[in-house]
């Protein structure tokens, strides 16, 4: 957002009340982005842990004498691993894209607020 978006009375400058609103808006955006990153990180950790523990579950099912359960779990392993790998790959891909976008635009955005 530009400074003009926070100039509510249209006098061409940011008054103290408008500045407080601007700072509160920026703080909320940062908190939302932080919460979003935390949720994405937890999802990726869960998918990665699931992919790593999947073979262990199959071995434990065989050791417990649950041959049919081991077969069923092994049958869906390929679908699960592909899906979980897609989530992990998307996370890293979008993070890489986002870091490139923010690094190129943040310089312009911060200069605008320094006026």
PDB file of N, CA and C in Angstrom:
ATOM      1  N   UNK A   1       0.833  -1.181   0.000  1.00  0.00           N
ATOM      2  CA  UNK A   1       0.000   0.000   0.000  1.00  0.00           C
ATOM      3  C   UNK A   1       0.878   1.244   0.000  1.00  0.00           C
ATOM      4  N   UNK A   2       0.365   2.265  -0.591  1.00  0.00           N
ATOM      5  CA  UNK A   2       1.119   3.512  -0.644  1.00  0.00           C
ATOM      6  C   UNK A   2       0.698   4.419   0.500  1.00  0.00           C
ATOM      7  N   UNK A   3       1.440   5.481   0.660  1.00  0.00           N
ATOM      8  CA  UNK A   3       1.112   6.435   1.724  1.00  0.00           C
ATOM      9  C   UNK A   3      -0.235   7.092   1.469  1.00  0.00           C
ATOM     10  N   UNK A   4      -0.599   7.255   0.216  1.00  0.00           N
ATOM     11  CA  UNK A   4      -1.884   7.879  -0.106  1.00  0.00           C
ATOM     12  C   UNK A   4      -3.055   7.048   0.402  1.00  0.00           C
ATOM     13  N   UNK A   5      -2.861   5.733   0.531  1.00  0.00           N
ATOM     14  CA  UNK A   5      -3.925   4.876   1.034  1.00  0.00           C
ATOM     15  C   UNK A   5      -4.219   5.156   2.509  1.00  0.00           C
ATOM     16  N   UNK A   6      -3.261   5.702   3.224  1.00  0.00           N
ATOM     17  CA  UNK A   6      -3.445   5.999   4.646  1.00  0.00           C
ATOM     18  C   UNK A   6      -3.749   7.474   4.902  1.00  0.00           C
ATOM     19  N   UNK A   7      -3.733   8.288   3.883  1.00  0.00           N
ATOM     20  CA  UNK A   7      -4.059   9.707   4.033  1.00  0.00           C
ATOM     21  C   UNK A   7      -5.572   9.848   3.900  1.00  0.00           C
ATOM     22  N   UNK A   8      -6.284   9.630   5.002  1.00  0.00           N
ATOM     23  CA  UNK A   8      -7.739   9.573   4.972  1.00  0.00           C
ATOM     24  C   UNK A   8      -8.390  10.942   4.798  1.00  0.00           C
ATOM     25  N   UNK A   9      -7.764  11.989   5.324  1.00  0.00           N
ATOM     26  CA  UNK A   9      -8.380  13.302   5.193  1.00  0.00           C
ATOM     27  C   UNK A   9      -7.914  14.049   3.940  1.00  0.00           C
ATOM     28  N   UNK A  10      -6.980  13.473   3.181  1.00  0.00           N
ATOM     29  CA  UNK A  10      -6.570  14.036   1.902  1.00  0.00           C
ATOM     30  C   UNK A  10      -5.759  15.303   1.983  1.00  0.00           C
ATOM     31  N   UNK A  11      -5.065  15.534   3.104  1.00  0.00           N
ATOM     32  CA  UNK A  11      -4.281  16.770   3.224  1.00  0.00           C
ATOM     33  C   UNK A  11      -2.856  16.615   2.691  1.00  0.00           C
ATOM     34  N   UNK A  12      -2.519  15.446   2.174  1.00  0.00           N
ATOM     35  CA  UNK A  12      -1.212  15.252   1.563  1.00  0.00           C
ATOM     36  C   UNK A  12      -0.118  14.810   2.505  1.00  0.00           C
ATOM     37  N   UNK A  13      -0.435  14.624   3.780  1.00  0.00           N
ATOM     38  CA  UNK A  13       0.561  14.120   4.731  1.00  0.00           C
ATOM     39  C   UNK A  13      -0.109  13.177   5.708  1.00  0.00           C
ATOM     40  N   UNK A  14       0.717  12.371   6.335  1.00  0.00           N
ATOM     41  CA  UNK A  14       0.211  11.383   7.279  1.00  0.00           C
ATOM     42  C   UNK A  14       0.173  12.019   8.674  1.00  0.00           C
ATOM     43  N   UNK A  15      -1.022  12.197   9.206  1.00  0.00           N
ATOM     44  CA  UNK A  15      -1.197  12.746  10.551  1.00  0.00           C
ATOM     45  C   UNK A  15      -0.922  11.651  11.587  1.00  0.00           C
ATOM     46  N   UNK A  16      -0.760  12.015  12.859  1.00  0.00           N
ATOM     47  CA  UNK A  16      -0.472  11.001  13.890  1.00  0.00           C
ATOM     48  C   UNK A  16      -1.526   9.888  13.964  1.00  0.00           C
ATOM     49  N   UNK A  17      -2.793  10.225  13.823  1.00  0.00           N
ATOM     50  CA  UNK A  17      -3.837   9.193  13.851  1.00  0.00           C
ATOM     51  C   UNK A  17      -3.711   8.254  12.653  1.00  0.00           C
ATOM     52  N   UNK A  18      -3.443   8.835  11.501  1.00  0.00           N
ATOM     53  CA  UNK A  18      -3.288   8.029  10.290  1.00  0.00           C
ATOM     54  C   UNK A  18      -2.035   7.165  10.382  1.00  0.00           C
ATOM     55  N   UNK A  19      -0.980   7.708  10.981  1.00  0.00           N
ATOM     56  CA  UNK A  19       0.247   6.941  11.157  1.00  0.00           C
ATOM     57  C   UNK A  19       0.016   5.744  12.080  1.00  0.00           C
ATOM     58  N   UNK A  20      -0.773   5.950  13.129  1.00  0.00           N
ATOM     59  CA  UNK A  20      -1.082   4.853  14.041  1.00  0.00           C
ATOM     60  C   UNK A  20      -1.850   3.749  13.308  1.00  0.00           C
ATOM     61  N   UNK A  21      -2.785   4.152  12.464  1.00  0.00           N
ATOM     62  CA  UNK A  21      -3.535   3.171  11.678  1.00  0.00           C
ATOM     63  C   UNK A  21      -2.601   2.445  10.716  1.00  0.00           C
ATOM     64  N   UNK A  22      -1.704   3.191  10.075  1.00  0.00           N
ATOM     65  CA  UNK A  22      -0.761   2.594   9.137  1.00  0.00           C
ATOM     66  C   UNK A  22       0.136   1.577   9.849  1.00  0.00           C
ATOM     67  N   UNK A  23       0.665   1.948  11.008  1.00  0.00           N
ATOM     68  CA  UNK A  23       1.544   1.045  11.746  1.00  0.00           C
ATOM     69  C   UNK A  23       0.787  -0.181  12.243  1.00  0.00           C
ATOM     70  N   UNK A  24      -0.457   0.003  12.685  1.00  0.00           N
ATOM     71  CA  UNK A  24      -1.264  -1.127  13.128  1.00  0.00           C
ATOM     72  C   UNK A  24      -1.553  -2.072  11.964  1.00  0.00           C
ATOM     73  N   UNK A  25      -1.847  -1.507  10.797  1.00  0.00           N
ATOM     74  CA  UNK A  25      -2.097  -2.316   9.604  1.00  0.00           C
ATOM     75  C   UNK A  25      -0.857  -3.123   9.220  1.00  0.00           C
ATOM     76  N   UNK A  26       0.300  -2.482   9.240  1.00  0.00           N
ATOM     77  CA  UNK A  26       1.548  -3.184   8.907  1.00  0.00           C
ATOM     78  C   UNK A  26       1.853  -4.270   9.928  1.00  0.00           C
ATOM     79  N   UNK A  27       1.582  -3.992  11.230  1.00  0.00           N
ATOM     80  CA  UNK A  27       1.822  -4.984  12.276  1.00  0.00           C
ATOM     81  C   UNK A  27       0.925  -6.200  12.067  1.00  0.00           C
ATOM     82  N   UNK A  28      -0.344  -5.960  11.758  1.00  0.00           N
ATOM     83  CA  UNK A  28      -1.275  -7.075  11.533  1.00  0.00           C
ATOM     84  C   UNK A  28      -0.876  -7.894  10.306  1.00  0.00           C
ATOM     85  N   UNK A  29      -0.427  -7.229   9.268  1.00  0.00           N
ATOM     86  CA  UNK A  29       0.014  -7.961   8.076  1.00  0.00           C
ATOM     87  C   UNK A  29       1.219  -8.835   8.394  1.00  0.00           C
ATOM     88  N   UNK A  30       2.141  -8.313   9.204  1.00  0.00           N
ATOM     89  CA  UNK A  30       3.312  -9.108   9.583  1.00  0.00           C
ATOM     90  C   UNK A  30       2.910 -10.297  10.457  1.00  0.00           C
ATOM     91  N   UNK A  31       1.968 -10.083  11.386  1.00  0.00           N
ATOM     92  CA  UNK A  31       1.504 -11.178  12.234  1.00  0.00           C
ATOM     93  C   UNK A  31       0.801 -12.247  11.417  1.00  0.00           C
ATOM     94  N   UNK A  32      -0.026 -11.826  10.462  1.00  0.00           N
ATOM     95  CA  UNK A  32      -0.720 -12.787   9.595  1.00  0.00           C
ATOM     96  C   UNK A  32       0.267 -13.588   8.755  1.00  0.00           C
ATOM     97  N   UNK A  33       1.263 -12.914   8.214  1.00  0.00           N
ATOM     98  CA  UNK A  33       2.275 -13.609   7.413  1.00  0.00           C
ATOM     99  C   UNK A  33       3.066 -14.583   8.275  1.00  0.00           C
ATOM    100  N   UNK A  34       3.354 -14.199   9.506  1.00  0.00           N
ATOM    101  CA  UNK A  34       4.083 -15.079  10.417  1.00  0.00           C
ATOM    102  C   UNK A  34       3.251 -16.312  10.761  1.00  0.00           C
ATOM    103  N   UNK A  35       1.969 -16.115  11.040  1.00  0.00           N
ATOM    104  CA  UNK A  35       1.088 -17.246  11.343  1.00  0.00           C
ATOM    105  C   UNK A  35       0.963 -18.175  10.137  1.00  0.00           C
ATOM    106  N   UNK A  36       0.881 -17.601   8.954  1.00  0.00           N
ATOM    107  CA  UNK A  36       0.781 -18.405   7.729  1.00  0.00           C
ATOM    108  C   UNK A  36       2.033 -19.252   7.549  1.00  0.00           C
ATOM    109  N   UNK A  37       3.212 -18.645   7.773  1.00  0.00           N
ATOM    110  CA  UNK A  37       4.462 -19.405   7.655  1.00  0.00           C
ATOM    111  C   UNK A  37       4.530 -20.529   8.679  1.00  0.00           C
ATOM    112  N   UNK A  38       4.045 -20.264   9.902  1.00  0.00           N
ATOM    113  CA  UNK A  38       4.062 -21.309  10.935  1.00  0.00           C
ATOM    114  C   UNK A  38       3.185 -22.495  10.548  1.00  0.00           C
ATOM    115  N   UNK A  39       1.998 -22.217  10.035  1.00  0.00           N
ATOM    116  CA  UNK A  39       1.094 -23.295   9.623  1.00  0.00           C
ATOM    117  C   UNK A  39       1.699 -24.086   8.460  1.00  0.00           C
ATOM    118  N   UNK A  40       2.256 -23.389   7.487  1.00  0.00           N
ATOM    119  CA  UNK A  40       2.879 -24.080   6.351  1.00  0.00           C
ATOM    120  C   UNK A  40       4.046 -24.945   6.813  1.00  0.00           C
ATOM    121  N   UNK A  41       4.840 -24.418   7.725  1.00  0.00           N
ATOM    122  CA  UNK A  41       5.990 -25.169   8.235  1.00  0.00           C
ATOM    123  C   UNK A  41       5.536 -26.430   8.959  1.00  0.00           C
ATOM    124  N   UNK A  42       4.477 -26.317   9.786  1.00  0.00           N
ATOM    125  CA  UNK A  42       3.960 -27.499  10.492  1.00  0.00           C
ATOM    126  C   UNK A  42       3.414 -28.536   9.508  1.00  0.00           C
ATOM    127  N   UNK A  43       2.762 -28.090   8.453  1.00  0.00           N
ATOM    128  CA  UNK A  43       2.245 -29.011   7.447  1.00  0.00           C
ATOM    129  C   UNK A  43       3.370 -29.764   6.763  1.00  0.00           C
ATOM    130  N   UNK A  44       4.430 -29.052   6.413  1.00  0.00           N
ATOM    131  CA  UNK A  44       5.570 -29.689   5.753  1.00  0.00           C
ATOM    132  C   UNK A  44       6.258 -30.679   6.694  1.00  0.00           C
ATOM    133  N   UNK A  45       6.386 -30.323   7.959  1.00  0.00           N
ATOM    134  CA  UNK A  45       6.991 -31.239   8.929  1.00  0.00           C
ATOM    135  C   UNK A  45       6.138 -32.495   9.064  1.00  0.00           C
ATOM    136  N   UNK A  46       4.821 -32.348   9.113  1.00  0.00           N
ATOM    137  CA  UNK A  46       3.935 -33.504   9.217  1.00  0.00           C
ATOM    138  C   UNK A  46       4.046 -34.397   7.980  1.00  0.00           C
ATOM    139  N   UNK A  47       4.081 -33.798   6.796  1.00  0.00           N
ATOM    140  CA  UNK A  47       4.209 -34.591   5.564  1.00  0.00           C
ATOM    141  C   UNK A  47       5.555 -35.310   5.507  1.00  0.00           C
ATOM    142  N   UNK A  48       6.617 -34.613   5.877  1.00  0.00           N
ATOM    143  CA  UNK A  48       7.945 -35.228   5.847  1.00  0.00           C
ATOM    144  C   UNK A  48       8.036 -36.355   6.865  1.00  0.00           C
ATOM    145  N   UNK A  49       7.513 -36.121   8.068  1.00  0.00           N
ATOM    146  CA  UNK A  49       7.527 -37.173   9.086  1.00  0.00           C
ATOM    147  C   UNK A  49       6.709 -38.371   8.627  1.00  0.00           C
ATOM    148  N   UNK A  50       5.579 -38.111   8.003  1.00  0.00           N
ATOM    149  CA  UNK A  50       4.760 -39.215   7.490  1.00  0.00           C
ATOM    150  C   UNK A  50       5.481 -40.026   6.432  1.00  0.00           C
ATOM    151  N   UNK A  51       6.190 -39.329   5.524  1.00  0.00           N
ATOM    152  CA  UNK A  51       6.933 -40.056   4.493  1.00  0.00           C
ATOM    153  C   UNK A  51       8.047 -40.897   5.100  1.00  0.00           C
ATOM    154  N   UNK A  52       8.706 -40.377   6.124  1.00  0.00           N
ATOM    155  CA  UNK A  52       9.799 -41.115   6.746  1.00  0.00           C
ATOM    156  C   UNK A  52       9.301 -42.256   7.620  1.00  0.00           C
ATOM    157  N   UNK A  53       8.146 -42.098   8.230  1.00  0.00           N
ATOM    158  CA  UNK A  53       7.612 -43.138   9.113  1.00  0.00           C
ATOM    159  C   UNK A  53       6.787 -44.197   8.391  1.00  0.00           C
ATOM    160  N   UNK A  54       6.438 -43.940   7.152  1.00  0.00           N
ATOM    161  CA  UNK A  54       5.600 -44.871   6.399  1.00  0.00           C
ATOM    162  C   UNK A  54       6.221 -46.266   6.319  1.00  0.00           C
ATOM    163  N   UNK A  55       7.490 -46.395   5.953  1.00  0.00           N
ATOM    164  CA  UNK A  55       8.086 -47.746   5.929  1.00  0.00           C
ATOM    165  C   UNK A  55       8.123 -48.390   7.311  1.00  0.00           C
ATOM    166  N   UNK A  56       8.306 -47.602   8.341  1.00  0.00           N
ATOM    167  CA  UNK A  56       8.328 -48.142   9.704  1.00  0.00           C
ATOM    168  C   UNK A  56       6.971 -48.739  10.057  1.00  0.00           C
ATOM    169  N   UNK A  57       5.897 -48.085   9.656  1.00  0.00           N
ATOM    170  CA  UNK A  57       4.550 -48.593   9.917  1.00  0.00           C
ATOM    171  C   UNK A  57       4.340 -49.924   9.215  1.00  0.00           C
ATOM    172  N   UNK A  58       4.826 -50.038   7.993  1.00  0.00           N
ATOM    173  CA  UNK A  58       4.681 -51.294   7.257  1.00  0.00           C
ATOM    174  C   UNK A  58       5.451 -52.410   7.960  1.00  0.00           C
ATOM    175  N   UNK A  59       6.683 -52.136   8.373  1.00  0.00           N
ATOM    176  CA  UNK A  59       7.490 -53.146   9.066  1.00  0.00           C
ATOM    177  C   UNK A  59       6.836 -53.538  10.387  1.00  0.00           C
ATOM    178  N   UNK A  60       6.326 -52.563  11.124  1.00  0.00           N
ATOM    179  CA  UNK A  60       5.661 -52.873  12.399  1.00  0.00           C
ATOM    180  C   UNK A  60       4.408 -53.715  12.182  1.00  0.00           C
ATOM    181  N   UNK A  61       3.674 -53.440  11.112  1.00  0.00           N
ATOM    182  CA  UNK A  61       2.484 -54.242  10.815  1.00  0.00           C
ATOM    183  C   UNK A  61       2.869 -55.684  10.505  1.00  0.00           C
ATOM    184  N   UNK A  62       3.957 -55.887   9.787  1.00  0.00           N
ATOM    185  CA  UNK A  62       4.423 -57.238   9.479  1.00  0.00           C
ATOM    186  C   UNK A  62       4.875 -57.938  10.763  1.00  0.00           C
ATOM    187  N   UNK A  63       5.631 -57.237  11.597  1.00  0.00           N
ATOM    188  CA  UNK A  63       6.110 -57.815  12.856  1.00  0.00           C
ATOM    189  C   UNK A  63       4.959 -58.145  13.803  1.00  0.00           C
ATOM    190  N   UNK A  64       3.881 -57.377  13.745  1.00  0.00           N
ATOM    191  CA  UNK A  64       2.726 -57.636  14.600  1.00  0.00           C
ATOM    192  C   UNK A  64       1.828 -58.726  14.037  1.00  0.00           C
ATOM    193  N   UNK A  65       2.177 -59.246  12.870  1.00  0.00           N
ATOM    194  CA  UNK A  65       1.393 -60.317  12.269  1.00  0.00           C
ATOM    195  C   UNK A  65       0.187 -59.827  11.495  1.00  0.00           C
ATOM    196  N   UNK A  66       0.162 -58.603  11.164  1.00  0.00           N
ATOM    197  CA  UNK A  66      -0.947 -58.021  10.416  1.00  0.00           C
ATOM    198  C   UNK A  66      -0.571 -57.951   8.940  1.00  0.00           C
ATOM    199  N   UNK A  67      -0.454 -59.098   8.313  1.00  0.00           N
ATOM    200  CA  UNK A  67      -0.008 -59.169   6.921  1.00  0.00           C
ATOM    201  C   UNK A  67      -0.943 -58.408   5.983  1.00  0.00           C
ATOM    202  N   UNK A  68      -2.244 -58.574   6.167  1.00  0.00           N
ATOM    203  CA  UNK A  68      -3.209 -57.907   5.281  1.00  0.00           C
ATOM    204  C   UNK A  68      -3.109 -56.380   5.452  1.00  0.00           C
ATOM    205  N   UNK A  69      -2.966 -55.918   6.689  1.00  0.00           N
ATOM    206  CA  UNK A  69      -2.829 -54.482   6.939  1.00  0.00           C
ATOM    207  C   UNK A  69      -1.556 -53.953   6.296  1.00  0.00           C
ATOM    208  N   UNK A  70      -0.465 -54.712   6.382  1.00  0.00           N
ATOM    209  CA  UNK A  70       0.787 -54.299   5.770  1.00  0.00           C
ATOM    210  C   UNK A  70       0.640 -54.187   4.256  1.00  0.00           C
ATOM    211  N   UNK A  71      -0.095 -55.126   3.660  1.00  0.00           N
ATOM    212  CA  UNK A  71      -0.333 -55.073   2.211  1.00  0.00           C
ATOM    213  C   UNK A  71      -1.138 -53.830   1.825  1.00  0.00           C
ATOM    214  N   UNK A  72      -2.194 -53.568   2.588  1.00  0.00           N
ATOM    215  CA  UNK A  72      -3.041 -52.420   2.279  1.00  0.00           C
ATOM    216  C   UNK A  72      -2.269 -51.101   2.428  1.00  0.00           C
ATOM    217  N   UNK A  73      -1.483 -51.001   3.485  1.00  0.00           N
ATOM    218  CA  UNK A  73      -0.694 -49.786   3.694  1.00  0.00           C
ATOM    219  C   UNK A  73       0.349 -49.638   2.593  1.00  0.00           C
ATOM    220  N   UNK A  74       0.973 -50.749   2.205  1.00  0.00           N
ATOM    221  CA  UNK A  74       1.978 -50.707   1.147  1.00  0.00           C
ATOM    222  C   UNK A  74       1.352 -50.352  -0.202  1.00  0.00           C
ATOM    223  N   UNK A  75       0.103 -50.790  -0.423  1.00  0.00           N
ATOM    224  CA  UNK A  75      -0.568 -50.493  -1.688  1.00  0.00           C
ATOM    225  C   UNK A  75      -0.829 -48.995  -1.874  1.00  0.00           C
ATOM    226  N   UNK A  76      -1.132 -48.304  -0.799  1.00  0.00           N
ATOM    227  CA  UNK A  76      -1.413 -46.872  -0.937  1.00  0.00           C
ATOM    228  C   UNK A  76      -0.172 -46.012  -0.701  1.00  0.00           C
ATOM    229  N   UNK A  77       0.956 -46.616  -0.453  1.00  0.00           N
ATOM    230  CA  UNK A  77       2.186 -45.870  -0.165  1.00  0.00           C
ATOM    231  C   UNK A  77       2.577 -44.965  -1.325  1.00  0.00           C
ATOM    232  N   UNK A  78       2.468 -45.471  -2.547  1.00  0.00           N
ATOM    233  CA  UNK A  78       2.905 -44.661  -3.688  1.00  0.00           C
ATOM    234  C   UNK A  78       2.078 -43.392  -3.824  1.00  0.00           C
ATOM    235  N   UNK A  79       0.777 -43.501  -3.607  1.00  0.00           N
ATOM    236  CA  UNK A  79      -0.092 -42.332  -3.706  1.00  0.00           C
ATOM    237  C   UNK A  79       0.220 -41.343  -2.583  1.00  0.00           C
ATOM    238  N   UNK A  80       0.414 -41.861  -1.371  1.00  0.00           N
ATOM    239  CA  UNK A  80       0.692 -40.984  -0.234  1.00  0.00           C
ATOM    240  C   UNK A  80       2.021 -40.257  -0.405  1.00  0.00           C
ATOM    241  N   UNK A  81       3.043 -40.984  -0.800  1.00  0.00           N
ATOM    242  CA  UNK A  81       4.373 -40.377  -0.937  1.00  0.00           C
ATOM    243  C   UNK A  81       4.365 -39.318  -2.034  1.00  0.00           C
ATOM    244  N   UNK A  82       3.681 -39.573  -3.130  1.00  0.00           N
ATOM    245  CA  UNK A  82       3.598 -38.582  -4.200  1.00  0.00           C
ATOM    246  C   UNK A  82       2.857 -37.338  -3.716  1.00  0.00           C
ATOM    247  N   UNK A  83       1.747 -37.529  -3.004  1.00  0.00           N
ATOM    248  CA  UNK A  83       0.989 -36.386  -2.485  1.00  0.00           C
ATOM    249  C   UNK A  83       1.787 -35.582  -1.477  1.00  0.00           C
ATOM    250  N   UNK A  84       2.419 -36.265  -0.534  1.00  0.00           N
ATOM    251  CA  UNK A  84       3.209 -35.574   0.488  1.00  0.00           C
ATOM    252  C   UNK A  84       4.424 -34.896  -0.139  1.00  0.00           C
ATOM    253  N   UNK A  85       5.035 -35.532  -1.119  1.00  0.00           N
ATOM    254  CA  UNK A  85       6.169 -34.915  -1.810  1.00  0.00           C
ATOM    255  C   UNK A  85       5.735 -33.651  -2.549  1.00  0.00           C
ATOM    256  N   UNK A  86       4.531 -33.684  -3.109  1.00  0.00           N
ATOM    257  CA  UNK A  86       3.997 -32.497  -3.780  1.00  0.00           C
ATOM    258  C   UNK A  86       3.810 -31.334  -2.818  1.00  0.00           C
ATOM    259  N   UNK A  87       3.332 -31.633  -1.615  1.00  0.00           N
ATOM    260  CA  UNK A  87       3.156 -30.578  -0.606  1.00  0.00           C
ATOM    261  C   UNK A  87       4.509 -29.980  -0.229  1.00  0.00           C
ATOM    262  N   UNK A  88       5.495 -30.837   0.012  1.00  0.00           N
ATOM    263  CA  UNK A  88       6.829 -30.366   0.397  1.00  0.00           C
ATOM    264  C   UNK A  88       7.463 -29.569  -0.747  1.00  0.00           C
ATOM    265  N   UNK A  89       7.352 -30.068  -1.964  1.00  0.00           N
ATOM    266  CA  UNK A  89       7.937 -29.369  -3.109  1.00  0.00           C
ATOM    267  C   UNK A  89       7.265 -28.015  -3.331  1.00  0.00           C
ATOM    268  N   UNK A  90       5.943 -27.977  -3.188  1.00  0.00           N
ATOM    269  CA  UNK A  90       5.224 -26.708  -3.355  1.00  0.00           C
ATOM    270  C   UNK A  90       5.650 -25.704  -2.285  1.00  0.00           C
ATOM    271  N   UNK A  91       5.836 -26.174  -1.074  1.00  0.00           N
ATOM    272  CA  UNK A  91       6.262 -25.284   0.017  1.00  0.00           C
ATOM    273  C   UNK A  91       7.604 -24.635  -0.312  1.00  0.00           C
ATOM    274  N   UNK A  92       8.574 -25.464  -0.689  1.00  0.00           N
ATOM    275  CA  UNK A  92       9.890 -24.908  -0.984  1.00  0.00           C
ATOM    276  C   UNK A  92       9.872 -24.054  -2.247  1.00  0.00           C
ATOM    277  N   UNK A  93       9.111 -24.458  -3.245  1.00  0.00           N
ATOM    278  CA  UNK A  93       9.023 -23.684  -4.480  1.00  0.00           C
ATOM    279  C   UNK A  93       8.401 -22.318  -4.264  1.00  0.00           C
ATOM    280  N   UNK A  94       7.278 -22.285  -3.543  1.00  0.00           N
ATOM    281  CA  UNK A  94       6.619 -21.006  -3.303  1.00  0.00           C
ATOM    282  C   UNK A  94       7.437 -20.117  -2.367  1.00  0.00           C
ATOM    283  N   UNK A  95       8.144 -20.719  -1.422  1.00  0.00           N
ATOM    284  CA  UNK A  95       9.021 -19.912  -0.568  1.00  0.00           C
ATOM    285  C   UNK A  95      10.139 -19.274  -1.383  1.00  0.00           C
ATOM    286  N   UNK A  96      10.695 -20.018  -2.319  1.00  0.00           N
ATOM    287  CA  UNK A  96      11.756 -19.464  -3.164  1.00  0.00           C
ATOM    288  C   UNK A  96      11.215 -18.332  -4.032  1.00  0.00           C
ATOM    289  N   UNK A  97      10.025 -18.525  -4.608  1.00  0.00           N
ATOM    290  CA  UNK A  97       9.423 -17.479  -5.427  1.00  0.00           C
ATOM    291  C   UNK A  97       9.100 -16.249  -4.586  1.00  0.00           C
ATOM    292  N   UNK A  98       8.565 -16.463  -3.391  1.00  0.00           N
ATOM    293  CA  UNK A  98       8.186 -15.342  -2.528  1.00  0.00           C
ATOM    294  C   UNK A  98       9.408 -14.549  -2.088  1.00  0.00           C
ATOM    295  N   UNK A  99      10.495 -15.238  -1.795  1.00  0.00           N
ATOM    296  CA  UNK A  99      11.692 -14.514  -1.358  1.00  0.00           C
ATOM    297  C   UNK A  99      12.271 -13.672  -2.493  1.00  0.00           C
ATOM    298  N   UNK A 100      12.180 -14.155  -3.731  1.00  0.00           N
ATOM    299  CA  UNK A 100      12.651 -13.355  -4.864  1.00  0.00           C
ATOM    300  C   UNK A 100      11.768 -12.130  -5.064  1.00  0.00           C
ATOM    301  N   UNK A 101      10.463 -12.325  -4.935  1.00  0.00           N
ATOM    302  CA  UNK A 101       9.530 -11.214  -5.143  1.00  0.00           C
ATOM    303  C   UNK A 101       9.693 -10.173  -4.054  1.00  0.00           C
ATOM    304  N   UNK A 102       9.757 -10.593  -2.795  1.00  0.00           N
ATOM    305  CA  UNK A 102       9.857  -9.620  -1.708  1.00  0.00           C
ATOM    306  C   UNK A 102      11.203  -8.920  -1.694  1.00  0.00           C
ATOM    307  N   UNK A 103      12.260  -9.610  -2.093  1.00  0.00           N
ATOM    308  CA  UNK A 103      13.568  -8.946  -2.085  1.00  0.00           C
ATOM    309  C   UNK A 103      13.650  -7.882  -3.170  1.00  0.00           C
ATOM    310  N   UNK A 104      12.946  -8.059  -4.277  1.00  0.00           N
ATOM    311  CA  UNK A 104      13.013  -7.069  -5.343  1.00  0.00           C
ATOM    312  C   UNK A 104      12.050  -5.906  -5.106  1.00  0.00           C
ATOM    313  N   UNK A 105      10.933  -6.135  -4.413  1.00  0.00           N
ATOM    314  CA  UNK A 105       9.961  -5.061  -4.213  1.00  0.00           C
ATOM    315  C   UNK A 105      10.106  -4.364  -2.874  1.00  0.00           C
ATOM    316  N   UNK A 106      10.745  -4.997  -1.897  1.00  0.00           N
ATOM    317  CA  UNK A 106      10.803  -4.393  -0.566  1.00  0.00           C
ATOM    318  C   UNK A 106      11.631  -3.112  -0.551  1.00  0.00           C
ATOM    319  N   UNK A 107      12.617  -3.010  -1.401  1.00  0.00           N
ATOM    320  CA  UNK A 107      13.452  -1.805  -1.438  1.00  0.00           C
ATOM    321  C   UNK A 107      12.610  -0.596  -1.838  1.00  0.00           C
ATOM    322  N   UNK A 108      11.749  -0.758  -2.802  1.00  0.00           N
ATOM    323  CA  UNK A 108      10.904   0.337  -3.260  1.00  0.00           C
ATOM    324  C   UNK A 108       9.875   0.674  -2.180  1.00  0.00           C
ATOM    325  N   UNK A 109       9.289  -0.351  -1.563  1.00  0.00           N
ATOM    326  CA  UNK A 109       8.247  -0.130  -0.569  1.00  0.00           C
ATOM    327  C   UNK A 109       8.781   0.621   0.643  1.00  0.00           C
ATOM    328  N   UNK A 110       9.952   0.249   1.150  1.00  0.00           N
ATOM    329  CA  UNK A 110      10.487   0.904   2.328  1.00  0.00           C
ATOM    330  C   UNK A 110      10.928   2.337   2.026  1.00  0.00           C
ATOM    331  N   UNK A 111      11.427   2.585   0.865  1.00  0.00           N
ATOM    332  CA  UNK A 111      11.812   3.961   0.499  1.00  0.00           C
ATOM    333  C   UNK A 111      10.593   4.862   0.479  1.00  0.00           C
ATOM    334  N   UNK A 112       9.462   4.279   0.089  1.00  0.00           N
ATOM    335  CA  UNK A 112       8.245   5.059  -0.001  1.00  0.00           C
ATOM    336  C   UNK A 112       7.791   5.519   1.384  1.00  0.00           C
ATOM    337  N   UNK A 113       7.968   4.688   2.410  1.00  0.00           N
ATOM    338  CA  UNK A 113       7.546   5.043   3.758  1.00  0.00           C
ATOM    339  C   UNK A 113       8.538   5.959   4.461  1.00  0.00           C
ATOM    340  N   UNK A 114       9.764   6.031   3.978  1.00  0.00           N
ATOM    341  CA  UNK A 114      10.770   6.871   4.602  1.00  0.00           C
ATOM    342  C   UNK A 114      10.582   8.346   4.308  1.00  0.00           C
ATOM    343  N   UNK A 115       9.710   8.679   3.386  1.00  0.00           N
ATOM    344  CA  UNK A 115       9.521  10.086   2.996  1.00  0.00           C
ATOM    345  C   UNK A 115       8.948  10.899   4.135  1.00  0.00           C
TER     346      UNK A 115
END
